[in-house]
C-alpha atoms as a PDB file:
ATOM      1  CA  MET A   1      -3.860  -2.161   7.690  1.00  0.00           C
ATOM      2  CA  PRO A   2      -2.195  -5.254   6.120  1.00  0.00           C
ATOM      3  CA  THR A   3      -3.049  -6.020   2.501  1.00  0.00           C
ATOM      4  CA  ILE A   4      -3.362  -9.719   3.380  1.00  0.00           C
ATOM      5  CA  GLU A   5      -4.176 -11.011   6.846  1.00  0.00           C
ATOM      6  CA  ILE A   6      -4.319 -14.736   7.571  1.00  0.00           C
ATOM      7  CA  LYS A   7      -5.521 -15.856  10.988  1.00  0.00           C
ATOM      8  CA  ASN A   8      -5.257 -19.431  12.260  1.00  0.00           C
ATOM      9  CA  ILE A   9      -6.171 -21.167   9.018  1.00  0.00           C
ATOM     10  CA  SER A  10      -6.183 -24.952   8.790  1.00  0.00           C
ATOM     11  CA  LYS A  11      -7.029 -27.254   5.897  1.00  0.00           C
ATOM     12  CA  SER A  12      -7.226 -31.036   5.655  1.00  0.00           C
ATOM     13  CA  PHE A  13      -7.839 -33.397   2.781  1.00  0.00           C
ATOM     14  CA  GLY A  14      -9.180 -36.574   4.315  1.00  0.00           C
ATOM     15  CA  SER A  15      -6.844 -37.478   7.174  1.00  0.00           C
ATOM     16  CA  ASN A  16      -3.991 -35.377   5.766  1.00  0.00           C
ATOM     17  CA  LYS A  17      -3.700 -31.962   7.447  1.00  0.00           C
ATOM     18  CA  VAL A  18      -1.807 -29.856   4.915  1.00  0.00           C
ATOM     19  CA  VAL A  19      -2.201 -26.440   6.630  1.00  0.00           C
ATOM     20  CA  ASP A  20      -2.074 -26.361  10.422  1.00  0.00           C
ATOM     21  CA  ASP A  21      -3.086 -23.180  12.300  1.00  0.00           C
ATOM     22  CA  VAL A  22      -1.151 -20.770  10.077  1.00  0.00           C
ATOM     23  CA  SER A  23      -1.189 -17.010  10.747  1.00  0.00           C
ATOM     24  CA  PHE A  24       0.748 -14.232   9.033  1.00  0.00           C
ATOM     25  CA  GLU A  25       0.303 -10.787   7.512  1.00  0.00           C
ATOM     26  CA  VAL A  26       1.548  -9.217   4.286  1.00  0.00           C
ATOM     27  CA  GLU A  27       2.025  -5.475   4.429  1.00  0.00           C
ATOM     28  CA  ASP A  28       1.065  -3.004   1.729  1.00  0.00           C
ATOM     29  CA  GLY A  29       3.794  -2.515  -0.870  1.00  0.00           C
ATOM     30  CA  GLU A  30       6.249  -5.201   0.224  1.00  0.00           C
ATOM     31  CA  ILE A  31       7.746  -8.267  -1.417  1.00  0.00           C
ATOM     32  CA  PHE A  32       6.886 -11.134   0.919  1.00  0.00           C
ATOM     33  CA  GLY A  33       8.450 -14.596   0.648  1.00  0.00           C
ATOM     34  CA  LEU A  34       6.205 -17.647   1.114  1.00  0.00           C
ATOM     35  CA  LEU A  35       8.733 -20.461   1.441  1.00  0.00           C
ATOM     36  CA  GLY A  36       8.879 -24.127   2.221  1.00  0.00           C
ATOM     37  CA  PRO A  37       9.988 -27.530   0.895  1.00  0.00           C
ATOM     38  CA  ASN A  38       7.869 -29.475  -1.557  1.00  0.00           C
ATOM     39  CA  GLY A  39       4.631 -30.589   0.043  1.00  0.00           C
ATOM     40  CA  ALA A  40       4.859 -27.991   2.822  1.00  0.00           C
ATOM     41  CA  GLY A  41       1.404 -26.524   2.145  1.00  0.00           C
ATOM     42  CA  LYS A  42       2.374 -23.387   0.201  1.00  0.00           C
ATOM     43  CA  THR A  43       0.149 -24.061  -2.821  1.00  0.00           C
ATOM     44  CA  THR A  44      -2.814 -24.849  -0.591  1.00  0.00           C
ATOM     45  CA  ILE A  45      -2.318 -21.541   1.242  1.00  0.00           C
ATOM     46  CA  ILE A  46      -2.226 -19.702  -2.099  1.00  0.00           C
ATOM     47  CA  ARG A  47      -5.426 -21.432  -3.229  1.00  0.00           C
ATOM     48  CA  ILE A  48      -7.093 -20.447   0.020  1.00  0.00           C
ATOM     49  CA  LEU A  49      -5.947 -16.861  -0.540  1.00  0.00           C
ATOM     50  CA  LEU A  50      -7.440 -16.936  -4.040  1.00  0.00           C
ATOM     51  CA  ASP A  51     -10.748 -18.356  -2.768  1.00  0.00           C
ATOM     52  CA  ILE A  52     -10.250 -21.596  -4.685  1.00  0.00           C
ATOM     53  CA  PHE A  53     -10.228 -23.604  -1.434  1.00  0.00           C
ATOM     54  CA  THR A  54     -12.164 -22.811   1.730  1.00  0.00           C
ATOM     55  CA  PRO A  55     -10.234 -23.294   4.981  1.00  0.00           C
ATOM     56  CA  ASP A  56     -11.639 -25.699   7.568  1.00  0.00           C
ATOM     57  CA  SER A  57     -11.048 -23.030  10.203  1.00  0.00           C
ATOM     58  CA  GLY A  58      -9.561 -19.562  10.513  1.00  0.00           C
ATOM     59  CA  SER A  59     -10.101 -16.453   8.433  1.00  0.00           C
ATOM     60  CA  ILE A  60      -8.619 -14.543   5.482  1.00  0.00           C
ATOM     61  CA  SER A  61      -8.751 -10.792   4.922  1.00  0.00           C
ATOM     62  CA  ILE A  62      -7.805  -9.391   1.485  1.00  0.00           C
ATOM     63  CA  LEU A  63      -7.642  -5.623   0.971  1.00  0.00           C
ATOM     64  CA  GLY A  64      -9.492  -5.012   4.202  1.00  0.00           C
ATOM     65  CA  GLY A  65     -12.182  -7.695   4.132  1.00  0.00           C
ATOM     66  CA  ASN A  66     -13.536 -10.864   2.562  1.00  0.00           C
ATOM     67  CA  MET A  67     -12.700 -11.856  -0.988  1.00  0.00           C
ATOM     68  CA  THR A  68     -15.163 -10.621  -3.623  1.00  0.00           C
ATOM     69  CA  GLU A  69     -15.387 -10.989  -7.398  1.00  0.00           C
ATOM     70  CA  THR A  70     -14.294  -7.362  -7.736  1.00  0.00           C
ATOM     71  CA  LYS A  71     -11.206  -8.005  -5.594  1.00  0.00           C
ATOM     72  CA  LYS A  72     -10.267 -11.012  -7.736  1.00  0.00           C
ATOM     73  CA  ASP A  73      -9.746  -8.617 -10.641  1.00  0.00           C
ATOM     74  CA  LEU A  74      -7.241  -6.724  -8.441  1.00  0.00           C
ATOM     75  CA  ILE A  75      -5.041  -9.821  -8.047  1.00  0.00           C
ATOM     76  CA  GLY A  76      -2.472 -11.144 -10.506  1.00  0.00           C
ATOM     77  CA  TYR A  77      -1.504 -14.796 -10.095  1.00  0.00           C
ATOM     78  CA  LEU A  78       1.446 -16.556 -11.721  1.00  0.00           C
ATOM     79  CA  PRO A  79       1.129 -20.323 -11.146  1.00  0.00           C
ATOM     80  CA  GLU A  80       4.173 -22.570 -11.275  1.00  0.00           C
ATOM     81  CA  GLU A  81       2.573 -24.511 -14.129  1.00  0.00           C
ATOM     82  CA  ARG A  82       1.992 -22.438 -17.268  1.00  0.00           C
ATOM     83  CA  GLY A  83      -1.654 -21.769 -18.098  1.00  0.00           C
ATOM     84  CA  LEU A  84      -1.463 -20.158 -21.525  1.00  0.00           C
ATOM     85  CA  TYR A  85      -3.495 -21.285 -24.528  1.00  0.00           C
ATOM     86  CA  GLN A  86      -0.921 -23.039 -26.691  1.00  0.00           C
ATOM     87  CA  ASP A  87      -2.559 -23.033 -30.137  1.00  0.00           C
ATOM     88  CA  ILE A  88      -3.283 -19.320 -30.614  1.00  0.00           C
ATOM     89  CA  PRO A  89      -0.937 -16.391 -31.306  1.00  0.00           C
ATOM     90  CA  LEU A  90       0.784 -14.885 -28.283  1.00  0.00           C
ATOM     91  CA  GLU A  91      -0.749 -11.418 -28.578  1.00  0.00           C
ATOM     92  CA  ARG A  92      -4.281 -12.790 -29.007  1.00  0.00           C
ATOM     93  CA  CYS A  93      -3.794 -15.057 -25.975  1.00  0.00           C
ATOM     94  CA  LEU A  94      -2.581 -12.233 -23.731  1.00  0.00           C
ATOM     95  CA  VAL A  95      -5.280  -9.809 -24.849  1.00  0.00           C
ATOM     96  CA  TYR A  96      -7.975 -12.403 -24.162  1.00  0.00           C
ATOM     97  CA  LEU A  97      -6.608 -13.140 -20.683  1.00  0.00           C
ATOM     98  CA  ALA A  98      -6.471  -9.401 -19.937  1.00  0.00           C
ATOM     99  CA  THR A  99     -10.152  -8.977 -20.873  1.00  0.00           C
ATOM    100  CA  LEU A 100     -11.016 -11.725 -18.376  1.00  0.00           C
ATOM    101  CA  LYS A 101      -9.646  -9.368 -15.694  1.00  0.00           C
ATOM    102  CA  GLY A 102     -12.065  -6.589 -16.685  1.00  0.00           C
ATOM    103  CA  MET A 103     -10.044  -4.696 -19.294  1.00  0.00           C
ATOM    104  CA  SER A 104     -11.662  -3.521 -22.515  1.00  0.00           C
ATOM    105  CA  ASN A 105     -10.301  -5.074 -25.700  1.00  0.00           C
ATOM    106  CA  ALA A 106      -8.783  -1.763 -26.846  1.00  0.00           C
ATOM    107  CA  GLU A 107      -7.100  -1.183 -23.477  1.00  0.00           C
ATOM    108  CA  ALA A 108      -5.855  -4.767 -23.377  1.00  0.00           C
ATOM    109  CA  VAL A 109      -4.297  -4.469 -26.855  1.00  0.00           C
ATOM    110  CA  LYS A 110      -2.500  -1.279 -25.811  1.00  0.00           C
ATOM    111  CA  LYS A 111      -1.219  -2.622 -22.478  1.00  0.00           C
ATOM    112  CA  VAL A 112      -0.175  -6.000 -23.900  1.00  0.00           C
ATOM    113  CA  ALA A 113       1.903  -4.221 -26.565  1.00  0.00           C
ATOM    114  CA  ILE A 114       3.663  -2.170 -23.868  1.00  0.00           C
ATOM    115  CA  TRP A 115       4.460  -5.239 -21.771  1.00  0.00           C
ATOM    116  CA  MET A 116       5.646  -7.278 -24.770  1.00  0.00           C
ATOM    117  CA  GLU A 117       8.059  -4.462 -25.542  1.00  0.00           C
ATOM    118  CA  GLU A 118       9.189  -4.458 -21.884  1.00  0.00           C
ATOM    119  CA  PHE A 119       9.888  -8.202 -22.016  1.00  0.00           C
ATOM    120  CA  ASP A 120      11.403  -8.276 -25.529  1.00  0.00           C
ATOM    121  CA  LEU A 121       8.527 -10.322 -26.969  1.00  0.00           C
ATOM    122  CA  SER A 122       7.173  -7.869 -29.581  1.00  0.00           C
ATOM    123  CA  ALA A 123       8.853  -9.701 -32.456  1.00  0.00           C
ATOM    124  CA  HIS A 124       7.077 -12.920 -31.425  1.00  0.00           C
ATOM    125  CA  SER A 125       3.547 -11.533 -31.036  1.00  0.00           C
ATOM    126  CA  ARG A 126       2.143 -13.472 -34.022  1.00  0.00           C
ATOM    127  CA  LYS A 127       3.725 -16.790 -33.094  1.00  0.00           C
ATOM    128  CA  LYS A 128       1.607 -19.466 -31.479  1.00  0.00           C
ATOM    129  CA  VAL A 129       2.387 -19.845 -27.800  1.00  0.00           C
ATOM    130  CA  LYS A 130       3.549 -23.439 -28.267  1.00  0.00           C
ATOM    131  CA  GLU A 131       6.210 -22.187 -30.721  1.00  0.00           C
ATOM    132  CA  LEU A 132       7.881 -20.086 -28.032  1.00  0.00           C
ATOM    133  CA  SER A 133      10.768 -21.238 -25.858  1.00  0.00           C
ATOM    134  CA  LYS A 134      10.139 -22.058 -22.205  1.00  0.00           C
ATOM    135  CA  GLY A 135      11.751 -18.787 -21.164  1.00  0.00           C
ATOM    136  CA  MET A 136       9.560 -16.801 -23.553  1.00  0.00           C
ATOM    137  CA  GLN A 137       6.463 -18.577 -22.276  1.00  0.00           C
ATOM    138  CA  GLN A 138       7.474 -17.715 -18.719  1.00  0.00           C
ATOM    139  CA  LYS A 139       7.757 -14.044 -19.652  1.00  0.00           C
ATOM    140  CA  ALA A 140       4.396 -14.246 -21.426  1.00  0.00           C
ATOM    141  CA  GLN A 141       2.864 -15.760 -18.294  1.00  0.00           C
ATOM    142  CA  LEU A 142       4.271 -12.851 -16.286  1.00  0.00           C
ATOM    143  CA  ILE A 143       2.649 -10.403 -18.701  1.00  0.00           C
ATOM    144  CA  ALA A 144      -0.698 -12.149 -18.205  1.00  0.00           C
ATOM    145  CA  THR A 145      -0.174 -11.760 -14.454  1.00  0.00           C
ATOM    146  CA  LEU A 146       0.674  -8.047 -14.559  1.00  0.00           C
ATOM    147  CA  VAL A 147      -1.082  -6.538 -17.582  1.00  0.00           C
ATOM    148  CA  HIS A 148      -4.292  -5.558 -15.737  1.00  0.00           C
ATOM    149  CA  GLU A 149      -2.281  -3.583 -13.138  1.00  0.00           C
ATOM    150  CA  PRO A 150      -3.206  -5.620 -10.051  1.00  0.00           C
ATOM    151  CA  ARG A 151      -2.844  -4.335  -6.499  1.00  0.00           C
ATOM    152  CA  ILE A 152      -1.699  -7.764  -5.289  1.00  0.00           C
ATOM    153  CA  VAL A 153       0.666 -10.023  -7.238  1.00  0.00           C
ATOM    154  CA  ILE A 154       1.124 -13.682  -6.232  1.00  0.00           C
ATOM    155  CA  ILE A 155       3.957 -15.359  -8.124  1.00  0.00           C
ATOM    156  CA  ASP A 156       5.030 -18.999  -7.860  1.00  0.00           C
ATOM    157  CA  GLU A 157       8.594 -19.680  -9.096  1.00  0.00           C
ATOM    158  CA  PRO A 158       8.775 -16.508 -11.230  1.00  0.00           C
ATOM    159  CA  PHE A 159      12.342 -17.202 -12.425  1.00  0.00           C
ATOM    160  CA  SER A 160      11.654 -20.680 -13.795  1.00  0.00           C
ATOM    161  CA  ALA A 161      13.325 -21.274 -17.208  1.00  0.00           C
ATOM    162  CA  LEU A 162      14.795 -17.747 -17.323  1.00  0.00           C
ATOM    163  CA  ASP A 163      18.422 -17.069 -18.221  1.00  0.00           C
ATOM    164  CA  PRO A 164      20.442 -14.582 -16.119  1.00  0.00           C
ATOM    165  CA  VAL A 165      19.566 -11.604 -18.353  1.00  0.00           C
ATOM    166  CA  ASN A 166      15.826 -12.267 -18.179  1.00  0.00           C
ATOM    167  CA  THR A 167      16.038 -13.093 -14.481  1.00  0.00           C
ATOM    168  CA  GLN A 168      17.496  -9.644 -13.874  1.00  0.00           C
ATOM    169  CA  MET A 169      14.783  -8.123 -16.067  1.00  0.00           C
ATOM    170  CA  VAL A 170      12.056  -9.738 -13.957  1.00  0.00           C
ATOM    171  CA  LYS A 171      13.735  -8.650 -10.699  1.00  0.00           C
ATOM    172  CA  ASP A 172      13.854  -5.080 -11.973  1.00  0.00           C
ATOM    173  CA  VAL A 173      10.135  -5.249 -12.811  1.00  0.00           C
ATOM    174  CA  LEU A 174       9.303  -6.578  -9.338  1.00  0.00           C
ATOM    175  CA  ARG A 175      11.263  -3.764  -7.706  1.00  0.00           C
ATOM    176  CA  LYS A 176       9.427  -1.188  -9.819  1.00  0.00           C
ATOM    177  CA  LEU A 177       6.096  -2.677  -8.768  1.00  0.00           C
ATOM    178  CA  ARG A 178       7.129  -2.458  -5.115  1.00  0.00           C
ATOM    179  CA  GLN A 179       8.052   1.198  -5.601  1.00  0.00           C
ATOM    180  CA  LYS A 180       4.526   1.764  -6.922  1.00  0.00           C
ATOM    181  CA  GLY A 181       3.067   0.253  -3.742  1.00  0.00           C
ATOM    182  CA  ILE A 182       2.076  -3.098  -5.252  1.00  0.00           C
ATOM    183  CA  THR A 183       2.035  -5.969  -2.754  1.00  0.00           C
ATOM    184  CA  ILE A 184       3.916  -9.062  -3.975  1.00  0.00           C
ATOM    185  CA  VAL A 185       3.803 -12.572  -2.506  1.00  0.00           C
ATOM    186  CA  MET A 186       6.626 -14.677  -3.951  1.00  0.00           C
ATOM    187  CA  CYS A 187       7.030 -18.441  -3.709  1.00  0.00           C
ATOM    188  CA  THR A 188      10.396 -19.813  -4.832  1.00  0.00           C
ATOM    189  CA  HIS A 189      13.009 -22.421  -3.985  1.00  0.00           C
ATOM    190  CA  GLN A 190      15.761 -20.008  -5.035  1.00  0.00           C
ATOM    191  CA  MET A 191      16.808 -18.690  -1.646  1.00  0.00           C
ATOM    192  CA  HIS A 192      19.332 -16.202  -3.028  1.00  0.00           C
ATOM    193  CA  GLN A 193      16.469 -14.483  -4.876  1.00  0.00           C
ATOM    194  CA  VAL A 194      14.543 -14.226  -1.610  1.00  0.00           C
ATOM    195  CA  GLU A 195      17.584 -12.692   0.111  1.00  0.00           C
ATOM    196  CA  GLU A 196      17.886 -10.156  -2.678  1.00  0.00           C
ATOM    197  CA  LEU A 197      14.217  -9.195  -3.059  1.00  0.00           C
ATOM    198  CA  CYS A 198      12.059 -10.001  -0.039  1.00  0.00           C
ATOM    199  CA  ASP A 199      11.373  -7.606   2.823  1.00  0.00           C
ATOM    200  CA  ARG A 200       9.918 -10.307   5.078  1.00  0.00           C
ATOM    201  CA  LEU A 201       9.143 -14.017   4.811  1.00  0.00           C
ATOM    202  CA  VAL A 202       7.354 -16.985   6.289  1.00  0.00           C
ATOM    203  CA  LEU A 203       8.735 -20.530   6.136  1.00  0.00           C
ATOM    204  CA  ILE A 204       6.172 -23.338   6.167  1.00  0.00           C
ATOM    205  CA  ASP A 205       6.978 -27.010   6.745  1.00  0.00           C
ATOM    206  CA  HIS A 206       4.379 -29.776   7.001  1.00  0.00           C
ATOM    207  CA  GLY A 207       1.686 -27.117   7.137  1.00  0.00           C
ATOM    208  CA  LYS A 208       3.143 -25.260  10.139  1.00  0.00           C
ATOM    209  CA  ILE A 209       5.053 -21.989  10.431  1.00  0.00           C
ATOM    210  CA  MET A 210       8.735 -22.528  11.201  1.00  0.00           C
ATOM    211  CA  LEU A 211      10.021 -18.956  10.650  1.00  0.00           C
ATOM    212  CA  TYR A 212       8.299 -15.607  10.222  1.00  0.00           C
ATOM    213  CA  GLY A 213       9.640 -12.077  10.136  1.00  0.00           C
ATOM    214  CA  LYS A 214      12.262  -9.812   8.584  1.00  0.00           C
ATOM    215  CA  LEU A 215      15.093 -11.604   6.806  1.00  0.00           C
ATOM    216  CA  ARG A 216      17.835  -9.753   8.722  1.00  0.00           C
ATOM    217  CA  ASP A 217      16.198 -10.524  12.087  1.00  0.00           C
ATOM    218  CA  ILE A 218      15.963 -14.220  11.183  1.00  0.00           C
ATOM    219  CA  GLN A 219      19.589 -14.316  10.050  1.00  0.00           C
ATOM    220  CA  ASN A 220      20.737 -12.639  13.272  1.00  0.00           C
ATOM    221  CA  GLU A 221      18.725 -15.139  15.309  1.00  0.00           C
ATOM    222  CA  TYR A 222      20.499 -18.065  13.634  1.00  0.00           C
ATOM    223  CA  ALA A 223      23.957 -16.482  13.561  1.00  0.00           C
ATOM    224  CA  GLY A 224      26.548 -18.525  15.400  1.00  0.00           C
ATOM    225  CA  HIS A 225      30.044 -17.582  16.545  1.00  0.00           C
ATOM    226  CA  ASP A 226      31.594 -17.212  13.108  1.00  0.00           C
ATOM    227  CA  ILE A 227      33.165 -13.959  11.945  1.00  0.00           C
ATOM    228  CA  LEU A 228      34.378 -12.709   8.566  1.00  0.00           C
ATOM    229  CA  LEU A 229      37.875 -11.223   8.580  1.00  0.00           C
ATOM    230  CA  LYS A 230      39.600  -9.522   5.653  1.00  0.00           C
ATOM    231  CA  THR A 231      43.300  -8.798   5.908  1.00  0.00           C
ATOM    232  CA  LYS A 232      46.401  -8.567   3.718  1.00  0.00           C
ATOM    233  CA  ASN A 233      48.520 -10.117   6.459  1.00  0.00           C
ATOM    234  CA  GLU A 234      49.309 -13.764   6.991  1.00  0.00           C
ATOM    235  CA  LEU A 235      47.329 -14.912  10.001  1.00  0.00           C
ATOM    236  CA  PRO A 236      49.257 -16.082  13.055  1.00  0.00           C
ATOM    237  CA  GLU A 237      48.362 -19.308  14.815  1.00  0.00           C
ATOM    238  CA  LEU A 238      44.857 -18.821  16.208  1.00  0.00           C
ATOM    239  CA  LYS A 239      44.262 -20.968  19.254  1.00  0.00           C
ATOM    240  CA  GLY A 240      40.880 -22.389  20.126  1.00  0.00           C
ATOM    241  CA  ILE A 241      39.075 -21.498  16.916  1.00  0.00           C
ATOM    242  CA  THR A 242      36.628 -24.027  15.490  1.00  0.00           C
ATOM    243  CA  ILE A 243      36.794 -22.993  11.821  1.00  0.00           C
ATOM    244  CA  LEU A 244      39.406 -21.341   9.602  1.00  0.00           C
ATOM    245  CA  GLU A 245      38.244 -21.140   6.013  1.00  0.00           C
ATOM    246  CA  LYS A 246      39.656 -18.916   3.293  1.00  0.00           C
ATOM    247  CA  ILE A 247      36.675 -17.712   1.252  1.00  0.00           C
ATOM    248  CA  ASN A 248      38.299 -15.512  -1.397  1.00  0.00           C
ATOM    249  CA  GLY A 249      41.274 -13.162  -1.633  1.00  0.00           C
ATOM    250  CA  GLY A 250      42.179 -12.166   1.882  1.00  0.00           C
ATOM    251  CA  THR A 251      38.781 -12.934   3.438  1.00  0.00           C
ATOM    252  CA  TYR A 252      38.549 -15.664   6.079  1.00  0.00           C
ATOM    253  CA  ARG A 253      35.641 -17.263   7.871  1.00  0.00           C
ATOM    254  CA  ILE A 254      36.689 -17.945  11.447  1.00  0.00           C
ATOM    255  CA  GLY A 255      34.719 -19.902  14.005  1.00  0.00           C
ATOM    256  CA  LEU A 256      35.142 -18.549  17.524  1.00  0.00           C
ATOM    257  CA  PRO A 257      34.662 -20.685  20.631  1.00  0.00           C
ATOM    258  CA  PRO A 258      31.404 -19.926  22.490  1.00  0.00           C
ATOM    259  CA  ASN A 259      33.211 -18.157  25.356  1.00  0.00           C
ATOM    260  CA  THR A 260      35.146 -15.763  23.077  1.00  0.00           C
ATOM    261  CA  LYS A 261      33.580 -12.390  22.324  1.00  0.00           C
ATOM    262  CA  PRO A 262      34.167 -11.020  18.802  1.00  0.00           C
ATOM    263  CA  GLN A 263      35.333  -7.658  20.221  1.00  0.00           C
ATOM    264  CA  GLN A 264      38.051  -9.329  22.310  1.00  0.00           C
ATOM    265  CA  PHE A 265      39.164 -11.410  19.326  1.00  0.00           C
ATOM    266  CA  LEU A 266      39.446  -8.223  17.234  1.00  0.00           C
ATOM    267  CA  ARG A 267      41.543  -6.513  19.941  1.00  0.00           C
ATOM    268  CA  ASP A 268      43.863  -9.535  20.033  1.00  0.00           C
ATOM    269  CA  LEU A 269      44.378  -9.331  16.272  1.00  0.00           C
ATOM    270  CA  ILE A 270      45.183  -5.618  16.411  1.00  0.00           C
ATOM    271  CA  GLU A 271      47.640  -6.162  19.262  1.00  0.00           C
ATOM    272  CA  GLN A 272      49.418  -8.666  16.983  1.00  0.00           C
ATOM    273  CA  ASN A 273      49.710  -5.946  14.302  1.00  0.00           C
ATOM    274  CA  ILE A 274      47.220  -7.609  11.983  1.00  0.00           C
ATOM    275  CA  ASP A 275      45.890  -5.026   9.489  1.00  0.00           C
ATOM    276  CA  VAL A 276      42.134  -5.612   9.681  1.00  0.00           C
ATOM    277  CA  GLU A 277      40.294  -4.342   6.599  1.00  0.00           C
ATOM    278  CA  GLN A 278      36.929  -5.962   7.391  1.00  0.00           C
ATOM    279  CA  PHE A 279      35.538  -7.568  10.517  1.00  0.00           C
ATOM    280  CA  GLU A 280      31.912  -8.601  10.890  1.00  0.00           C
ATOM    281  CA  ILE A 281      29.670 -11.274  12.336  1.00  0.00           C
ATOM    282  CA  ALA A 282      28.982 -13.922   9.668  1.00  0.00           C
ATOM    283  CA  VAL A 283      25.237 -14.257   9.260  1.00  0.00           C
ATOM    284  CA  PRO A 284      24.023 -17.546   7.775  1.00  0.00           C
ATOM    285  CA  THR A 285      22.523 -17.633   4.303  1.00  0.00           C
ATOM    286  CA  LEU A 286      18.829 -18.334   3.955  1.00  0.00           C
ATOM    287  CA  ASP A 287      19.769 -21.650   2.315  1.00  0.00           C
ATOM    288  CA  GLU A 288      21.652 -22.642   5.476  1.00  0.00           C
ATOM    289  CA  ILE A 289      18.789 -21.564   7.743  1.00  0.00           C
ATOM    290  CA  PHE A 290      16.232 -23.322   5.539  1.00  0.00           C
ATOM    291  CA  ILE A 291      18.158 -26.611   5.673  1.00  0.00           C
ATOM    292  CA  GLN A 292      18.754 -26.335   9.426  1.00  0.00           C
ATOM    293  CA  VAL A 293      15.107 -25.627  10.267  1.00  0.00           C
ATOM    294  CA  VAL A 294      13.683 -28.307   7.982  1.00  0.00           C
ATOM    295  CA  ASN A 295      16.186 -30.923   9.184  1.00  0.00           C
ATOM    296  CA  GLN A 296      15.439 -30.083  12.836  1.00  0.00           C
ATOM    297  CA  GLU A 297      11.726 -30.448  12.200  1.00  0.00           C
ATOM    298  CA  THR A 298      12.262 -33.768  10.414  1.00  0.00           C
ATOM    299  CA  SER A 299      14.400 -35.131  13.267  1.00  0.00           C
ATOM    300  CA  LEU A 300      11.615 -34.388  15.770  1.00  0.00           C
ATOM    301  CA  ARG A 301       9.135 -36.569  13.901  1.00  0.00           C
END
């Protein structure tokens, strides 16, 4: 049974339909990407999931049924905008937020200390939140999201303001949560993070689903006739190709004409005594797919 099941939800504000007949499922223990350009309807979908908004039509199932107050304590939510109390010490702020999720004060103190150690914030526990850097506040917000050990984690731009070291730290934490069977819904504009972390994804634009499924399946669907070739040899003249781009070292991106099969092209190279070290179909990046899908949708309007 899916952890989250959304069926045909729609939501309008006045004459503006921001979510239009959206359906998707999030499986237990996966990292799921909820993607889309600004204004696509992602935040509205999250607020419907969290029972902040009620859909005009359709249904939501969370952990096997309707949302309840008990289930809300099993969800951790990281909003894009920080929601920490700025004028109190960090530790006090995090402990208070943990108690709002049903933890006892003693348990909250213990768990907050563990997470602050995990995120290298222990030395700053007595500082007021407003005295922390943006990156530190982002890590503190993540602690508030995770400290009560939720079964579902919904995170909006989790890598905002983080340097590469802390970005890697957060990615490692998310992978550990997945290994524990925690379900994670991740919204981000950083497509390379989605490629690295997400098992499946849905792409929303103007409130409608544009793409939905496993990342590899989507990439294969949008793959063209380009191949990646790695060789130490100088390439001979290649007739009919549409692209010849040297990426790095001895790796080339080559665009084949539509009527040329990659296997035949590889045989031709071998017959010309080209030492082929790598040969594979070039799948598009998620950035490229994202831009293509959104631009196609815009051109149809």
